[in-house]
Amino acid sequence: MTARNEPPTEPAVSGTTTAAWRRDEEVICVDRDDNEVGPVSRIAAHGLDCSLHRAFMVLLIDEAGRLVLCRRSEHKLLWPLYWADTCAGHPRPGEDILEAARRHLQEEVGCAAELNSLGHFVYRAQYQGIGCEHELCHVFAGRTCGDLSPNPAEVSEIAFFDPKHLDILMRERPQDFVPWLVTCLRTFPASAFVAASEKFQ
């Protein structure tokens, strides 16, 4: 376990692609209005004294109106094997947030989809005294693009959830889902993702 006064490090993943596992990448610190404050290392940004930084999440919708959720890889240091969005990540300094979302979607689930912005929210959550997420998270919706090809370093399982069933599950078993997904779907209901994705039909 990582010492409480040290930033977390992520375990090596043998035999898998590591496109999204750049431990020393910089992320962008921001204020609550999304004004840039400056860069910080990805490791430091997810320590227990985590700084507010810019992030994004993508939720894809399939043709039946179901949300595509991914269970996080067992190799993840924070919230391993929890159900989460279709993909999430951080833009690099100087990188457009939409382009970053498209890049991660391709890297994590092998999908090149058009995306529609819904807005953003701010949250902070700590995981078992190991690390923390404190993000201003931009939210994107899109349509699935055929067969998905998950990166095993990032994703252990993909499933399709009817919005009403998902709402019941998240109320009955919130501990099965990452906190940013719970916060997102309280801020932007599942129906908003379905409506936003319909423009790509």
Protein backbone atom coordinates (compact mmCIF):
# COMPACT_ATOMS: atom_id res chain seq x y z
CA MET A 1 0.00 0.00 0.00
CA THR A 2 1.18 3.51 -0.76
CA ALA A 3 2.26 5.49 2.29
CA ARG A 4 -0.22 8.19 3.24
CA ASN A 5 2.22 11.04 2.60
CA GLU A 6 3.34 9.81 -0.81
CA PRO A 7 1.60 10.08 -4.18
CA PRO A 8 0.23 6.82 -5.59
CA THR A 9 2.01 4.85 -8.25
CA GLU A 10 0.30 2.49 -10.66
CA PRO A 11 1.34 -1.15 -10.97
CA ALA A 12 3.01 -2.42 -14.11
CA VAL A 13 0.66 -4.38 -16.34
CA SER A 14 2.32 -7.32 -18.00
CA GLY A 15 1.29 -8.37 -21.47
CA THR A 16 -1.11 -5.48 -22.15
CA THR A 17 -0.93 -2.27 -24.10
CA THR A 18 -0.06 0.80 -22.03
CA ALA A 19 -1.26 3.64 -24.28
CA ALA A 20 -3.13 5.39 -21.48
CA TRP A 21 -0.76 4.56 -18.61
CA ARG A 22 1.80 7.36 -18.85
CA ARG A 23 2.63 7.71 -15.17
CA ASP A 24 4.69 10.87 -15.59
CA GLU A 25 2.26 12.77 -17.85
CA GLU A 26 1.26 16.23 -16.78
CA VAL A 27 -2.37 17.12 -16.15
CA ILE A 28 -3.84 20.63 -15.98
CA CYS A 29 -4.68 22.21 -12.63
CA VAL A 30 -7.70 24.53 -12.85
CA ASP A 31 -9.92 26.65 -10.63
CA ARG A 32 -13.64 25.94 -10.28
CA ASP A 33 -14.35 28.08 -13.35
CA ASP A 34 -11.99 25.90 -15.43
CA ASN A 35 -9.34 28.60 -15.70
CA GLU A 36 -5.89 27.02 -16.00
CA VAL A 37 -3.62 27.35 -12.97
CA GLY A 38 -0.70 25.30 -14.26
CA PRO A 39 0.49 21.75 -14.90
CA VAL A 40 1.02 19.08 -12.25
CA SER A 41 2.22 15.50 -12.55
CA ARG A 42 -0.46 12.87 -12.93
CA ILE A 43 0.87 11.05 -9.87
CA ALA A 44 0.78 14.12 -7.64
CA ALA A 45 -2.70 15.03 -8.91
CA HIS A 46 -4.05 11.74 -7.57
CA GLY A 47 -2.30 11.73 -4.19
CA LEU A 48 -4.21 12.35 -0.98
CA ASP A 49 -3.54 16.09 -1.27
CA CYS A 50 -4.89 16.10 -4.82
CA SER A 51 -5.27 19.35 -6.71
CA LEU A 52 -8.34 20.23 -8.75
CA HIS A 53 -7.52 19.34 -12.34
CA ARG A 54 -9.23 19.13 -15.71
CA ALA A 55 -10.68 15.81 -16.79
CA PHE A 56 -13.39 14.35 -18.99
CA MET A 57 -15.66 11.34 -19.20
CA VAL A 58 -17.49 9.81 -22.15
CA LEU A 59 -20.72 7.82 -22.08
CA LEU A 60 -21.72 6.06 -25.28
CA ILE A 61 -25.28 5.02 -26.06
CA ASP A 62 -26.10 2.02 -28.24
CA GLU A 63 -28.92 1.76 -30.81
CA ALA A 64 -31.29 0.42 -28.14
CA GLY A 65 -30.75 3.50 -25.95
CA ARG A 66 -28.58 1.65 -23.41
CA LEU A 67 -25.57 3.21 -21.68
CA VAL A 68 -22.22 1.55 -22.35
CA LEU A 69 -20.34 1.15 -19.07
CA CYS A 70 -16.90 -0.33 -18.54
CA ARG A 71 -15.73 -2.14 -15.42
CA ARG A 72 -12.32 -0.76 -14.54
CA SER A 73 -9.32 -3.06 -14.86
CA GLU A 74 -8.14 -4.96 -11.80
CA HIS A 75 -4.77 -3.27 -12.40
CA LYS A 76 -6.14 0.18 -11.56
CA LEU A 77 -4.81 1.60 -8.30
CA LEU A 78 -7.97 3.61 -7.59
CA TRP A 79 -11.41 1.97 -7.78
CA PRO A 80 -10.31 -1.28 -9.50
CA LEU A 81 -13.18 -3.43 -10.81
CA TYR A 82 -15.79 -0.71 -10.22
CA TRP A 83 -18.29 0.11 -12.95
CA ALA A 84 -17.52 3.42 -14.64
CA ASP A 85 -18.20 5.44 -17.80
CA THR A 86 -17.28 4.24 -21.29
CA CYS A 87 -13.93 6.01 -20.94
CA ALA A 88 -12.36 8.87 -19.00
CA GLY A 89 -9.08 10.70 -18.78
CA HIS A 90 -7.22 13.99 -18.77
CA PRO A 91 -6.24 16.30 -21.61
CA ARG A 92 -2.55 17.00 -22.00
CA PRO A 93 -1.37 20.60 -21.57
CA GLY A 94 -2.34 22.42 -24.76
CA GLU A 95 -4.66 19.64 -25.95
CA ASP A 96 -8.27 20.39 -26.84
CA ILE A 97 -10.63 18.63 -24.42
CA LEU A 98 -12.80 17.13 -27.18
CA GLU A 99 -9.77 15.80 -29.04
CA ALA A 100 -8.49 14.29 -25.80
CA ALA A 101 -11.83 12.55 -25.26
CA ARG A 102 -11.77 11.14 -28.80
CA ARG A 103 -8.17 9.97 -28.32
CA HIS A 104 -8.94 8.15 -25.08
CA LEU A 105 -12.08 6.58 -26.52
CA GLN A 106 -9.94 5.05 -29.27
CA GLU A 107 -7.16 3.99 -26.85
CA GLU A 108 -9.44 2.46 -24.22
CA VAL A 109 -12.29 0.83 -26.16
CA GLY A 110 -11.24 1.07 -29.81
CA CYS A 111 -14.06 3.36 -30.89
CA ALA A 112 -13.95 6.46 -33.11
CA ALA A 113 -17.25 8.20 -32.29
CA GLU A 114 -18.63 11.69 -32.72
CA LEU A 115 -19.16 13.30 -29.31
CA ASN A 116 -21.54 15.94 -27.98
CA SER A 117 -20.71 18.03 -24.89
CA LEU A 118 -23.23 18.12 -22.03
CA GLY A 119 -21.28 20.43 -19.69
CA HIS A 120 -19.12 19.74 -16.65
CA PHE A 121 -19.23 19.14 -12.90
CA VAL A 122 -16.76 19.19 -10.01
CA TYR A 123 -16.27 16.36 -7.54
CA ARG A 124 -13.77 15.08 -5.00
CA ALA A 125 -13.53 11.50 -3.75
CA GLN A 126 -10.92 9.54 -1.79
CA TYR A 127 -10.24 5.84 -2.22
CA GLN A 128 -9.29 3.75 0.84
CA GLY A 129 -6.61 6.16 2.05
CA ILE A 130 -4.55 5.39 -1.07
CA GLY A 131 -5.34 8.25 -3.42
CA CYS A 132 -7.88 10.82 -4.46
CA GLU A 133 -9.74 12.22 -7.45
CA HIS A 134 -10.49 15.96 -7.47
CA GLU A 135 -11.62 16.90 -10.93
CA LEU A 136 -13.49 19.41 -13.00
CA CYS A 137 -14.95 16.82 -15.32
CA HIS A 138 -16.24 17.63 -18.81
CA VAL A 139 -18.99 15.26 -19.95
CA PHE A 140 -19.47 13.92 -23.49
CA ALA A 141 -22.13 11.70 -25.05
CA GLY A 142 -21.94 9.73 -28.29
CA ARG A 143 -23.17 6.70 -30.22
CA THR A 144 -21.47 3.32 -30.25
CA CYS A 145 -19.47 2.64 -33.39
CA GLY A 146 -19.78 -1.11 -33.92
CA ASP A 147 -17.79 -3.72 -32.05
CA LEU A 148 -15.73 -2.37 -29.16
CA SER A 149 -12.17 -3.53 -28.49
CA PRO A 150 -11.33 -2.84 -24.83
CA ASN A 151 -7.76 -2.28 -23.71
CA PRO A 152 -7.20 -4.79 -20.86
CA ALA A 153 -4.93 -2.34 -19.05
CA GLU A 154 -7.97 -0.10 -18.68
CA VAL A 155 -11.09 -2.25 -18.94
CA SER A 156 -11.99 -5.68 -17.55
CA GLU A 157 -15.56 -5.88 -18.86
CA ILE A 158 -18.09 -3.95 -20.94
CA ALA A 159 -21.86 -4.07 -20.37
CA PHE A 160 -24.96 -2.30 -21.67
CA PHE A 161 -27.39 -0.83 -19.13
CA ASP A 162 -30.97 0.26 -19.62
CA PRO A 163 -31.17 3.75 -18.05
CA LYS A 164 -34.06 2.86 -15.71
CA HIS A 165 -32.36 -0.33 -14.56
CA LEU A 166 -29.09 1.50 -14.05
CA ASP A 167 -30.81 4.13 -11.92
CA ILE A 168 -32.20 1.38 -9.66
CA LEU A 169 -28.82 -0.35 -9.42
CA MET A 170 -27.03 2.87 -8.51
CA ARG A 171 -29.53 3.60 -5.76
CA GLU A 172 -29.40 0.05 -4.39
CA ARG A 173 -25.66 -0.59 -4.81
CA PRO A 174 -23.80 2.73 -5.17
CA GLN A 175 -20.66 1.00 -3.87
CA ASP A 176 -20.37 -0.87 -7.19
CA PHE A 177 -19.87 2.35 -9.18
CA VAL A 178 -17.12 4.95 -9.29
CA PRO A 179 -18.10 8.17 -7.49
CA TRP A 180 -17.74 10.38 -10.56
CA LEU A 181 -20.30 8.30 -12.46
CA VAL A 182 -22.76 8.57 -9.56
CA THR A 183 -22.22 12.35 -9.41
CA CYS A 184 -22.47 12.71 -13.19
CA LEU A 185 -25.79 10.88 -13.46
CA ARG A 186 -27.21 12.98 -10.65
CA THR A 187 -26.14 16.11 -12.53
CA PHE A 188 -26.99 14.92 -16.06
CA PRO A 189 -29.74 12.25 -16.13
CA ALA A 190 -29.35 9.29 -18.42
CA SER A 191 -32.09 10.70 -20.66
CA ALA A 192 -29.80 13.65 -21.43
CA PHE A 193 -27.15 11.29 -22.81
CA VAL A 194 -29.72 9.49 -24.94
CA ALA A 195 -31.02 12.80 -26.34
CA ALA A 196 -27.50 14.12 -26.98
CA SER A 197 -26.49 10.96 -28.82
CA GLU A 198 -29.54 10.98 -31.09
CA LYS A 199 -28.04 13.75 -33.24
CA PHE A 200 -25.54 11.16 -34.49
CA GLN A 201 -28.15 8.69 -35.75
